[in-house]
Each structure stands twice: as structure tokens, then as C-alpha cells.
Amino acid sequence: KHKSEFSKTDMLLQVHDELLFEVSEDAADQLIDIVKSVMENAAEPVLRLDVPLVVDARQGANWAEAH
């Protein structure tokens, strides 16, 4: 049985426009790319914004380190 590299990924917290995920270090960069894309294009296809949404993403061993 093949398991996704995100099978042990959890979104732990959402505070306003911030999301906190727990993911393996091996999958962190790929998850950041996916989450950024989803968030930056969240309004589409219903709405096309004239001003782009820009997402900043960081990683760390804990929230304080990543923040």
C-alpha cells in the first residue's frame, strides 16, 4: 500500500490568515508550495482579483521559530 508523503500532515491551528501545519521535514517544502498556491488562488474561479494575493510561508521546529 502506497502512502502519500502527506499522510501524517495535520493542520494544527488557524489564526486569522495564518495556518500552522505539522509535517515531516522531507515534505515541508512541497507542502509550502501547495498551500501557497491554494491560498493565493482561493478566490478563483468565482472571482478574479485585480490585486494578487501574496502568501508568505516559513518553516521551523516550532511556531515561534517559523514565525
N, C-alpha and C. Protein backbone atom coordinates (compact mmCIF):
# COMPACT_ATOMS: atom_id res chain seq x y z
N LYS A 1 0.85 -1.19 0.00
CA LYS A 1 0.00 0.00 0.00
C LYS A 1 0.88 1.24 0.00
N HIS A 2 0.66 2.13 -0.96
CA HIS A 2 1.43 3.36 -1.06
C HIS A 2 0.80 4.45 -0.21
N LYS A 3 1.61 5.07 0.63
CA LYS A 3 1.12 6.17 1.47
C LYS A 3 1.65 7.49 0.92
N SER A 4 0.80 8.48 0.91
CA SER A 4 1.21 9.81 0.49
C SER A 4 2.22 10.36 1.48
N GLU A 5 3.13 11.18 0.99
CA GLU A 5 4.08 11.80 1.91
C GLU A 5 3.38 12.79 2.84
N PHE A 6 2.11 13.10 2.55
CA PHE A 6 1.34 14.00 3.40
C PHE A 6 0.38 13.23 4.31
N SER A 7 0.50 11.91 4.37
CA SER A 7 -0.45 11.12 5.15
C SER A 7 -0.37 11.44 6.65
N LYS A 8 0.75 11.95 7.10
CA LYS A 8 0.89 12.31 8.51
C LYS A 8 0.97 13.82 8.69
N THR A 9 0.35 14.55 7.79
CA THR A 9 0.30 16.00 7.87
C THR A 9 -0.99 16.44 8.52
N ASP A 10 -0.87 17.33 9.48
CA ASP A 10 -2.05 17.85 10.17
C ASP A 10 -2.01 19.36 10.17
N MET A 11 -3.16 19.99 9.91
CA MET A 11 -3.27 21.42 10.15
C MET A 11 -3.67 21.56 11.61
N LEU A 12 -2.78 22.14 12.39
CA LEU A 12 -2.99 22.22 13.84
C LEU A 12 -3.75 23.45 14.27
N LEU A 13 -3.60 24.54 13.53
CA LEU A 13 -4.14 25.80 14.01
C LEU A 13 -4.37 26.78 12.87
N GLN A 14 -5.43 27.54 12.99
CA GLN A 14 -5.67 28.67 12.09
C GLN A 14 -5.95 29.88 12.95
N VAL A 15 -5.16 30.92 12.77
CA VAL A 15 -5.36 32.18 13.49
C VAL A 15 -5.44 33.26 12.44
N HIS A 16 -6.65 33.78 12.25
CA HIS A 16 -6.94 34.76 11.20
C HIS A 16 -6.46 34.22 9.86
N ASP A 17 -5.41 34.80 9.29
CA ASP A 17 -4.93 34.35 7.98
C ASP A 17 -3.67 33.49 8.09
N GLU A 18 -3.37 32.99 9.29
CA GLU A 18 -2.20 32.14 9.47
C GLU A 18 -2.63 30.69 9.68
N LEU A 19 -1.90 29.79 9.04
CA LEU A 19 -2.16 28.36 9.17
C LEU A 19 -0.90 27.71 9.73
N LEU A 20 -1.07 26.78 10.65
CA LEU A 20 0.05 26.05 11.22
C LEU A 20 -0.13 24.56 10.93
N PHE A 21 0.85 23.99 10.24
CA PHE A 21 0.82 22.57 9.87
C PHE A 21 1.93 21.83 10.59
N GLU A 22 1.67 20.56 10.86
CA GLU A 22 2.72 19.66 11.32
C GLU A 22 2.95 18.66 10.19
N VAL A 23 4.18 18.61 9.70
CA VAL A 23 4.51 17.78 8.55
C VAL A 23 5.97 17.34 8.69
N SER A 24 6.31 16.24 8.05
CA SER A 24 7.70 15.78 8.10
C SER A 24 8.60 16.79 7.38
N GLU A 25 9.85 16.85 7.81
CA GLU A 25 10.79 17.78 7.17
C GLU A 25 10.94 17.50 5.69
N ASP A 26 10.87 16.23 5.31
CA ASP A 26 11.02 15.83 3.91
C ASP A 26 9.92 16.40 3.02
N ALA A 27 8.73 16.59 3.57
CA ALA A 27 7.59 17.04 2.78
C ALA A 27 7.29 18.52 2.96
N ALA A 28 8.03 19.21 3.82
CA ALA A 28 7.71 20.61 4.17
C ALA A 28 7.74 21.54 2.96
N ASP A 29 8.78 21.48 2.15
CA ASP A 29 8.87 22.39 1.01
C ASP A 29 7.74 22.17 0.02
N GLN A 30 7.41 20.92 -0.24
CA GLN A 30 6.32 20.62 -1.17
C GLN A 30 4.98 21.08 -0.61
N LEU A 31 4.77 20.88 0.69
CA LEU A 31 3.52 21.33 1.31
C LEU A 31 3.41 22.85 1.24
N ILE A 32 4.51 23.55 1.49
CA ILE A 32 4.50 25.02 1.40
C ILE A 32 4.09 25.44 0.00
N ASP A 33 4.63 24.82 -1.03
CA ASP A 33 4.27 25.17 -2.41
C ASP A 33 2.77 24.96 -2.66
N ILE A 34 2.25 23.84 -2.19
CA ILE A 34 0.83 23.52 -2.40
C ILE A 34 -0.06 24.51 -1.65
N VAL A 35 0.23 24.74 -0.38
CA VAL A 35 -0.60 25.63 0.43
C VAL A 35 -0.56 27.06 -0.11
N LYS A 36 0.63 27.53 -0.49
CA LYS A 36 0.73 28.87 -1.07
C LYS A 36 -0.14 29.00 -2.32
N SER A 37 -0.07 28.02 -3.19
CA SER A 37 -0.85 28.05 -4.42
C SER A 37 -2.36 28.07 -4.13
N VAL A 38 -2.78 27.21 -3.21
CA VAL A 38 -4.21 27.17 -2.86
C VAL A 38 -4.66 28.50 -2.27
N MET A 39 -3.88 29.06 -1.37
CA MET A 39 -4.28 30.31 -0.71
C MET A 39 -4.24 31.50 -1.67
N GLU A 40 -3.22 31.55 -2.53
CA GLU A 40 -3.10 32.68 -3.46
C GLU A 40 -4.19 32.65 -4.53
N ASN A 41 -4.75 31.49 -4.79
CA ASN A 41 -5.78 31.35 -5.82
C ASN A 41 -7.14 30.99 -5.23
N ALA A 42 -7.34 31.28 -3.96
CA ALA A 42 -8.55 30.87 -3.25
C ALA A 42 -9.83 31.45 -3.85
N ALA A 43 -9.78 32.62 -4.42
CA ALA A 43 -10.98 33.27 -4.96
C ALA A 43 -11.39 32.70 -6.32
N GLU A 44 -10.46 32.09 -7.01
CA GLU A 44 -10.76 31.60 -8.35
C GLU A 44 -11.50 30.28 -8.31
N PRO A 45 -12.30 29.94 -9.23
CA PRO A 45 -12.61 30.65 -10.47
C PRO A 45 -13.79 31.61 -10.32
N VAL A 46 -14.35 31.71 -9.14
CA VAL A 46 -15.53 32.55 -8.93
C VAL A 46 -15.20 34.02 -9.11
N LEU A 47 -14.03 34.42 -8.67
CA LEU A 47 -13.66 35.82 -8.67
C LEU A 47 -12.21 35.97 -9.08
N ARG A 48 -11.95 36.86 -10.00
CA ARG A 48 -10.58 37.19 -10.39
C ARG A 48 -10.25 38.52 -9.76
N LEU A 49 -9.22 38.54 -8.93
CA LEU A 49 -8.83 39.77 -8.24
C LEU A 49 -7.84 40.57 -9.08
N ASP A 50 -8.00 41.90 -9.08
CA ASP A 50 -7.05 42.76 -9.79
C ASP A 50 -5.72 42.85 -9.04
N VAL A 51 -5.79 42.74 -7.73
CA VAL A 51 -4.59 42.78 -6.90
C VAL A 51 -4.29 41.35 -6.46
N PRO A 52 -3.09 40.86 -6.72
CA PRO A 52 -2.79 39.47 -6.37
C PRO A 52 -2.70 39.27 -4.85
N LEU A 53 -3.13 38.11 -4.41
CA LEU A 53 -2.93 37.72 -3.02
C LEU A 53 -1.51 37.16 -2.92
N VAL A 54 -0.75 37.64 -1.96
CA VAL A 54 0.62 37.18 -1.78
C VAL A 54 0.70 36.45 -0.45
N VAL A 55 1.21 35.23 -0.48
CA VAL A 55 1.31 34.40 0.71
C VAL A 55 2.78 34.27 1.09
N ASP A 56 3.07 34.51 2.36
CA ASP A 56 4.40 34.32 2.91
C ASP A 56 4.37 33.05 3.73
N ALA A 57 5.33 32.16 3.52
CA ALA A 57 5.35 30.89 4.24
C ALA A 57 6.76 30.63 4.76
N ARG A 58 6.81 30.10 5.97
CA ARG A 58 8.08 29.76 6.60
C ARG A 58 7.96 28.43 7.30
N GLN A 59 9.08 27.84 7.61
CA GLN A 59 9.06 26.57 8.35
C GLN A 59 10.04 26.65 9.52
N GLY A 60 9.77 25.84 10.52
CA GLY A 60 10.63 25.79 11.70
C GLY A 60 10.22 24.64 12.58
N ALA A 61 11.01 24.38 13.59
CA ALA A 61 10.75 23.29 14.51
C ALA A 61 9.54 23.57 15.40
N ASN A 62 9.19 24.85 15.54
CA ASN A 62 8.02 25.25 16.32
C ASN A 62 7.46 26.56 15.76
N TRP A 63 6.30 26.98 16.26
CA TRP A 63 5.65 28.17 15.71
C TRP A 63 6.53 29.42 15.88
N ALA A 64 7.13 29.58 17.03
CA ALA A 64 7.97 30.75 17.28
C ALA A 64 9.13 30.79 16.29
N GLU A 65 9.73 29.67 16.02
CA GLU A 65 10.85 29.61 15.08
C GLU A 65 10.41 29.94 13.65
N ALA A 66 9.25 29.47 13.28
CA ALA A 66 8.74 29.69 11.93
C ALA A 66 8.16 31.08 11.76
N HIS A 67 7.73 31.68 12.82
CA HIS A 67 7.05 32.97 12.79
C HIS A 67 8.07 34.05 12.76
